[in-house]
Amino acid sequence: MRLKQVKLKNFRGYKEEQTLDVEDSITAIVGKNDSGKSSMLEALELYFDGGVPDIDDLNVDCGEDRQIVITCVFDDLPEGITVDATADTTLQQEYMVNEDGMLEIAKVFRCTNKSVDKEP
């Protein structure tokens, strides 16, 4: 499988869903200061390393949509997968591909209000 796209929503400066297309080879992400380069890379780190964002990573203008969504889209999928020792199938047969025939997996993090209680 190959990473084709990264989508971010409500993560730091990305309020509306933003998509970064990843070409066949990517060697650098270029942009102005404060354009979201580091945020994109840190979101990928959270996604692939199984981390959880901090409450400070929630976009400040998210309104009532208090969830961070990090999505990765993959192409060049394997021809078959084995669910268990006796069941060979495909991602398509398991309805695990999007309308473009790519595997799209979103990690959703629900955020609550952050409160600080002082000790008596």
N, C-alpha and C. Protein backbone atom coordinates (compact mmCIF):
# COMPACT_ATOMS: atom_id res chain seq x y z
N MET A 1 0.84 -1.18 0.00
CA MET A 1 0.00 0.00 0.00
C MET A 1 0.88 1.24 0.00
N ARG A 2 0.33 2.30 -0.56
CA ARG A 2 1.07 3.54 -0.67
C ARG A 2 0.16 4.69 -0.21
N LEU A 3 0.71 5.58 0.61
CA LEU A 3 -0.03 6.74 1.07
C LEU A 3 -0.28 7.68 -0.11
N LYS A 4 -1.53 8.01 -0.34
CA LYS A 4 -1.92 8.84 -1.48
C LYS A 4 -2.37 10.24 -1.05
N GLN A 5 -3.09 10.31 0.08
CA GLN A 5 -3.60 11.59 0.57
C GLN A 5 -3.62 11.60 2.09
N VAL A 6 -3.50 12.81 2.64
CA VAL A 6 -3.68 13.04 4.07
C VAL A 6 -4.74 14.13 4.19
N LYS A 7 -5.74 13.91 5.06
CA LYS A 7 -6.80 14.89 5.27
C LYS A 7 -6.83 15.25 6.76
N LEU A 8 -6.94 16.54 7.03
CA LEU A 8 -7.03 17.03 8.41
C LEU A 8 -8.27 17.89 8.56
N LYS A 9 -8.93 17.73 9.71
CA LYS A 9 -10.08 18.57 10.02
C LYS A 9 -10.04 18.89 11.52
N ASN A 10 -10.18 20.17 11.84
CA ASN A 10 -10.17 20.67 13.22
C ASN A 10 -8.85 20.39 13.94
N PHE A 11 -7.77 20.23 13.21
CA PHE A 11 -6.46 20.00 13.81
C PHE A 11 -5.65 21.29 13.66
N ARG A 12 -5.38 21.92 14.77
CA ARG A 12 -4.62 23.17 14.82
C ARG A 12 -5.21 24.20 13.86
N GLY A 13 -4.46 24.64 12.88
CA GLY A 13 -4.92 25.69 11.96
C GLY A 13 -5.85 25.19 10.87
N TYR A 14 -6.13 23.89 10.83
CA TYR A 14 -6.99 23.31 9.79
C TYR A 14 -8.40 23.12 10.34
N LYS A 15 -9.27 24.12 10.16
CA LYS A 15 -10.65 23.99 10.64
C LYS A 15 -11.46 23.13 9.68
N GLU A 16 -11.60 23.59 8.46
CA GLU A 16 -12.29 22.81 7.43
C GLU A 16 -11.36 21.70 6.95
N GLU A 17 -11.93 20.63 6.43
CA GLU A 17 -11.09 19.53 5.96
C GLU A 17 -10.16 20.02 4.84
N GLN A 18 -8.88 19.77 5.02
CA GLN A 18 -7.86 20.12 4.03
C GLN A 18 -7.18 18.82 3.58
N THR A 19 -6.87 18.73 2.31
CA THR A 19 -6.27 17.53 1.75
C THR A 19 -4.89 17.83 1.20
N LEU A 20 -3.93 17.00 1.57
CA LEU A 20 -2.59 17.06 0.99
C LEU A 20 -2.43 15.83 0.11
N ASP A 21 -2.26 16.04 -1.20
CA ASP A 21 -2.00 14.93 -2.11
C ASP A 21 -0.53 14.57 -2.03
N VAL A 22 -0.27 13.29 -1.88
CA VAL A 22 1.11 12.79 -1.82
C VAL A 22 1.40 12.13 -3.16
N GLU A 23 2.37 12.63 -3.84
CA GLU A 23 2.72 12.09 -5.15
C GLU A 23 3.53 10.80 -5.00
N ASP A 24 3.96 10.24 -6.13
CA ASP A 24 4.72 8.98 -6.10
C ASP A 24 5.95 9.07 -5.22
N SER A 25 6.60 10.21 -5.23
CA SER A 25 7.74 10.40 -4.34
C SER A 25 7.65 11.82 -3.78
N ILE A 26 7.83 11.92 -2.50
CA ILE A 26 7.78 13.23 -1.85
C ILE A 26 9.05 13.37 -1.03
N THR A 27 9.73 14.45 -1.24
CA THR A 27 10.99 14.66 -0.51
C THR A 27 10.94 15.87 0.39
N ALA A 28 9.96 16.76 0.18
CA ALA A 28 9.89 17.96 1.01
C ALA A 28 8.48 18.53 0.97
N ILE A 29 8.09 19.16 2.07
CA ILE A 29 6.86 19.92 2.12
C ILE A 29 7.29 21.37 2.27
N VAL A 30 6.92 22.18 1.30
CA VAL A 30 7.39 23.56 1.24
C VAL A 30 6.22 24.50 1.43
N GLY A 31 6.45 25.57 2.19
CA GLY A 31 5.42 26.59 2.37
C GLY A 31 5.92 27.72 3.24
N LYS A 32 5.13 28.77 3.32
CA LYS A 32 5.48 29.93 4.15
C LYS A 32 5.45 29.53 5.63
N ASN A 33 6.06 30.37 6.46
CA ASN A 33 5.98 30.17 7.90
C ASN A 33 4.52 30.19 8.33
N ASP A 34 4.18 29.36 9.30
CA ASP A 34 2.82 29.25 9.83
C ASP A 34 1.79 28.82 8.78
N SER A 35 2.20 28.04 7.79
CA SER A 35 1.24 27.58 6.79
C SER A 35 0.74 26.17 7.07
N GLY A 36 1.28 25.50 8.12
CA GLY A 36 0.78 24.19 8.52
C GLY A 36 1.66 23.02 8.16
N LYS A 37 2.88 23.26 7.74
CA LYS A 37 3.78 22.16 7.37
C LYS A 37 4.04 21.23 8.55
N SER A 38 4.44 21.80 9.67
CA SER A 38 4.74 20.99 10.86
C SER A 38 3.48 20.32 11.39
N SER A 39 2.36 21.00 11.32
CA SER A 39 1.10 20.40 11.78
C SER A 39 0.76 19.15 10.97
N MET A 40 0.96 19.22 9.66
CA MET A 40 0.68 18.07 8.81
C MET A 40 1.58 16.88 9.19
N LEU A 41 2.87 17.16 9.40
CA LEU A 41 3.79 16.09 9.76
C LEU A 41 3.51 15.53 11.15
N GLU A 42 3.14 16.39 12.08
CA GLU A 42 2.83 15.91 13.43
C GLU A 42 1.52 15.12 13.44
N ALA A 43 0.58 15.49 12.59
CA ALA A 43 -0.65 14.70 12.47
C ALA A 43 -0.33 13.30 11.93
N LEU A 44 0.57 13.21 10.97
CA LEU A 44 0.99 11.90 10.45
C LEU A 44 1.66 11.07 11.55
N GLU A 45 2.46 11.72 12.38
CA GLU A 45 3.10 11.01 13.48
C GLU A 45 2.05 10.46 14.45
N LEU A 46 1.05 11.27 14.80
CA LEU A 46 -0.03 10.80 15.67
C LEU A 46 -0.76 9.62 15.03
N TYR A 47 -1.02 9.72 13.75
CA TYR A 47 -1.77 8.70 13.02
C TYR A 47 -1.03 7.36 13.02
N PHE A 48 0.23 7.40 12.62
CA PHE A 48 0.96 6.14 12.46
C PHE A 48 1.57 5.60 13.74
N ASP A 49 1.81 6.45 14.73
CA ASP A 49 2.38 5.99 15.99
C ASP A 49 1.32 5.73 17.05
N GLY A 50 0.05 5.93 16.73
CA GLY A 50 -1.02 5.64 17.66
C GLY A 50 -1.15 6.64 18.79
N GLY A 51 -0.64 7.85 18.59
CA GLY A 51 -0.73 8.87 19.62
C GLY A 51 -2.12 9.51 19.69
N VAL A 52 -2.28 10.34 20.68
CA VAL A 52 -3.53 11.08 20.88
C VAL A 52 -3.18 12.57 20.92
N PRO A 53 -3.91 13.39 20.16
CA PRO A 53 -3.62 14.83 20.18
C PRO A 53 -3.89 15.43 21.56
N ASP A 54 -3.26 16.56 21.84
CA ASP A 54 -3.55 17.33 23.05
C ASP A 54 -4.81 18.15 22.80
N ILE A 55 -5.48 18.56 23.86
CA ILE A 55 -6.65 19.42 23.72
C ILE A 55 -6.28 20.73 23.02
N ASP A 56 -5.02 21.16 23.15
CA ASP A 56 -4.56 22.38 22.49
C ASP A 56 -4.45 22.21 20.97
N ASP A 57 -4.50 20.98 20.48
CA ASP A 57 -4.45 20.73 19.04
C ASP A 57 -5.80 20.95 18.37
N LEU A 58 -6.88 21.04 19.15
CA LEU A 58 -8.21 21.28 18.60
C LEU A 58 -8.27 22.70 18.05
N ASN A 59 -8.77 22.85 16.84
CA ASN A 59 -8.89 24.18 16.22
C ASN A 59 -9.75 25.08 17.10
N VAL A 60 -9.27 26.29 17.37
CA VAL A 60 -9.96 27.19 18.28
C VAL A 60 -11.32 27.66 17.75
N ASP A 61 -11.54 27.57 16.45
CA ASP A 61 -12.80 27.99 15.84
C ASP A 61 -13.70 26.82 15.47
N CYS A 62 -13.51 25.68 16.10
CA CYS A 62 -14.24 24.47 15.72
C CYS A 62 -15.72 24.53 16.04
N GLY A 63 -16.12 25.44 16.91
CA GLY A 63 -17.54 25.52 17.29
C GLY A 63 -17.95 24.29 18.07
N GLU A 64 -19.13 23.76 17.74
CA GLU A 64 -19.62 22.58 18.45
C GLU A 64 -19.08 21.28 17.88
N ASP A 65 -18.40 21.33 16.75
CA ASP A 65 -17.80 20.15 16.14
C ASP A 65 -16.47 19.87 16.82
N ARG A 66 -16.52 19.37 18.03
CA ARG A 66 -15.33 19.23 18.87
C ARG A 66 -14.67 17.87 18.65
N GLN A 67 -14.28 17.63 17.41
CA GLN A 67 -13.53 16.41 17.14
C GLN A 67 -12.45 16.69 16.10
N ILE A 68 -11.31 16.11 16.34
CA ILE A 68 -10.19 16.18 15.41
C ILE A 68 -10.25 14.94 14.54
N VAL A 69 -10.13 15.12 13.22
CA VAL A 69 -10.17 13.99 12.30
C VAL A 69 -8.88 14.00 11.48
N ILE A 70 -8.15 12.89 11.54
CA ILE A 70 -6.95 12.69 10.72
C ILE A 70 -7.22 11.47 9.85
N THR A 71 -7.19 11.67 8.53
CA THR A 71 -7.53 10.62 7.59
C THR A 71 -6.36 10.36 6.65
N CYS A 72 -6.07 9.10 6.40
CA CYS A 72 -5.08 8.72 5.40
C CYS A 72 -5.76 7.87 4.34
N VAL A 73 -5.42 8.13 3.08
CA VAL A 73 -5.97 7.42 1.94
C VAL A 73 -4.82 6.68 1.26
N PHE A 74 -5.04 5.40 0.99
CA PHE A 74 -3.99 4.56 0.41
C PHE A 74 -4.43 3.98 -0.92
N ASP A 75 -3.48 3.87 -1.85
CA ASP A 75 -3.74 3.15 -3.09
C ASP A 75 -2.70 2.04 -3.21
N ASP A 76 -2.59 1.45 -4.38
CA ASP A 76 -1.67 0.33 -4.60
C ASP A 76 -1.94 -0.76 -3.55
N LEU A 77 -3.21 -1.13 -3.46
CA LEU A 77 -3.67 -2.08 -2.44
C LEU A 77 -3.29 -3.51 -2.80
N PRO A 78 -3.17 -4.36 -1.80
CA PRO A 78 -2.85 -5.76 -2.09
C PRO A 78 -4.02 -6.43 -2.83
N GLU A 79 -3.70 -7.43 -3.65
CA GLU A 79 -4.74 -8.13 -4.40
C GLU A 79 -5.65 -8.92 -3.48
N GLY A 80 -5.10 -9.42 -2.39
CA GLY A 80 -5.91 -10.21 -1.47
C GLY A 80 -5.43 -10.02 -0.05
N ILE A 81 -6.32 -10.32 0.89
CA ILE A 81 -5.97 -10.29 2.31
C ILE A 81 -6.50 -11.56 2.94
N THR A 82 -5.92 -11.95 4.05
CA THR A 82 -6.38 -13.11 4.79
C THR A 82 -6.95 -12.63 6.11
N VAL A 83 -8.25 -12.82 6.29
CA VAL A 83 -8.91 -12.39 7.50
C VAL A 83 -8.57 -13.33 8.65
N ASP A 84 -8.63 -14.60 8.39
CA ASP A 84 -8.14 -15.61 9.33
C ASP A 84 -7.55 -16.74 8.51
N ALA A 85 -7.16 -17.78 9.13
CA ALA A 85 -6.42 -18.85 8.44
C ALA A 85 -7.21 -19.49 7.31
N THR A 86 -8.54 -19.34 7.31
CA THR A 86 -9.34 -20.04 6.30
C THR A 86 -10.12 -19.10 5.39
N ALA A 87 -9.98 -17.81 5.53
CA ALA A 87 -10.81 -16.89 4.76
C ALA A 87 -9.97 -15.89 3.98
N ASP A 88 -9.71 -16.20 2.71
CA ASP A 88 -9.04 -15.26 1.82
C ASP A 88 -10.10 -14.38 1.17
N THR A 89 -9.81 -13.09 1.08
CA THR A 89 -10.77 -12.14 0.52
C THR A 89 -10.02 -10.95 -0.03
N THR A 90 -10.72 -9.90 -0.40
CA THR A 90 -10.09 -8.67 -0.87
C THR A 90 -10.69 -7.49 -0.09
N LEU A 91 -10.01 -6.39 -0.12
CA LEU A 91 -10.55 -5.18 0.52
C LEU A 91 -11.86 -4.76 -0.14
N GLN A 92 -11.97 -4.97 -1.45
CA GLN A 92 -13.19 -4.62 -2.16
C GLN A 92 -14.35 -5.52 -1.71
N GLN A 93 -14.11 -6.81 -1.57
CA GLN A 93 -15.17 -7.72 -1.14
C GLN A 93 -15.62 -7.42 0.28
N GLU A 94 -14.74 -6.86 1.08
CA GLU A 94 -15.07 -6.53 2.47
C GLU A 94 -15.62 -5.10 2.60
N TYR A 95 -15.87 -4.44 1.47
CA TYR A 95 -16.40 -3.07 1.44
C TYR A 95 -15.53 -2.11 2.25
N MET A 96 -14.22 -2.23 2.06
CA MET A 96 -13.28 -1.39 2.80
C MET A 96 -12.60 -0.35 1.93
N VAL A 97 -13.10 -0.14 0.72
CA VAL A 97 -12.52 0.87 -0.16
C VAL A 97 -13.55 1.97 -0.40
N ASN A 98 -13.05 3.18 -0.69
CA ASN A 98 -13.96 4.29 -0.98
C ASN A 98 -14.42 4.22 -2.44
N GLU A 99 -15.17 5.24 -2.86
CA GLU A 99 -15.72 5.24 -4.23
C GLU A 99 -14.64 5.30 -5.30
N ASP A 100 -13.42 5.71 -4.93
CA ASP A 100 -12.31 5.74 -5.88
C ASP A 100 -11.49 4.46 -5.86
N GLY A 101 -11.92 3.47 -5.09
CA GLY A 101 -11.21 2.21 -5.01
C GLY A 101 -9.98 2.25 -4.11
N MET A 102 -9.91 3.26 -3.23
CA MET A 102 -8.77 3.39 -2.32
C MET A 102 -9.21 3.12 -0.89
N LEU A 103 -8.28 2.66 -0.09
CA LEU A 103 -8.52 2.42 1.32
C LEU A 103 -8.41 3.75 2.06
N GLU A 104 -9.47 4.14 2.75
CA GLU A 104 -9.51 5.43 3.45
C GLU A 104 -9.83 5.16 4.92
N ILE A 105 -8.88 5.50 5.79
CA ILE A 105 -9.05 5.23 7.21
C ILE A 105 -8.95 6.55 7.97
N ALA A 106 -10.01 6.88 8.70
CA ALA A 106 -10.06 8.11 9.48
C ALA A 106 -9.92 7.77 10.96
N LYS A 107 -9.09 8.52 11.65
CA LYS A 107 -9.00 8.43 13.10
C LYS A 107 -9.67 9.67 13.65
N VAL A 108 -10.67 9.46 14.49
CA VAL A 108 -11.48 10.55 15.03
C VAL A 108 -11.21 10.64 16.53
N PHE A 109 -10.89 11.85 16.98
CA PHE A 109 -10.61 12.10 18.39
C PHE A 109 -11.65 13.09 18.90
N ARG A 110 -12.49 12.66 19.83
CA ARG A 110 -13.52 13.51 20.41
C ARG A 110 -12.92 14.31 21.55
N CYS A 111 -13.19 15.59 21.56
CA CYS A 111 -12.59 16.49 22.54
C CYS A 111 -13.67 17.03 23.47
N THR A 112 -13.36 17.11 24.76
CA THR A 112 -14.25 17.70 25.74
C THR A 112 -13.65 19.01 26.20
N ASN A 113 -14.42 19.78 26.94
CA ASN A 113 -13.90 21.04 27.50
C ASN A 113 -12.78 20.73 28.48
N LYS A 114 -11.77 21.54 28.43
CA LYS A 114 -10.65 21.37 29.35
C LYS A 114 -10.93 22.23 30.58
N SER A 115 -10.87 21.62 31.73
CA SER A 115 -11.08 22.38 32.95
C SER A 115 -9.93 22.09 33.91
N VAL A 116 -9.62 23.09 34.72
CA VAL A 116 -8.56 22.98 35.72
C VAL A 116 -9.18 23.22 37.09
N ASP A 117 -9.06 22.24 37.95
CA ASP A 117 -9.60 22.37 39.33
C ASP A 117 -8.44 22.64 40.27
N LYS A 118 -8.61 23.67 41.10
CA LYS A 118 -7.60 23.97 42.11
C LYS A 118 -7.80 23.06 43.32
N GLU A 119 -6.71 22.64 43.90
CA GLU A 119 -6.81 21.84 45.13
C GLU A 119 -7.18 22.75 46.29
N PRO A 120 -8.04 22.25 47.21
CA PRO A 120 -8.43 23.11 48.35
C PRO A 120 -7.25 23.42 49.24
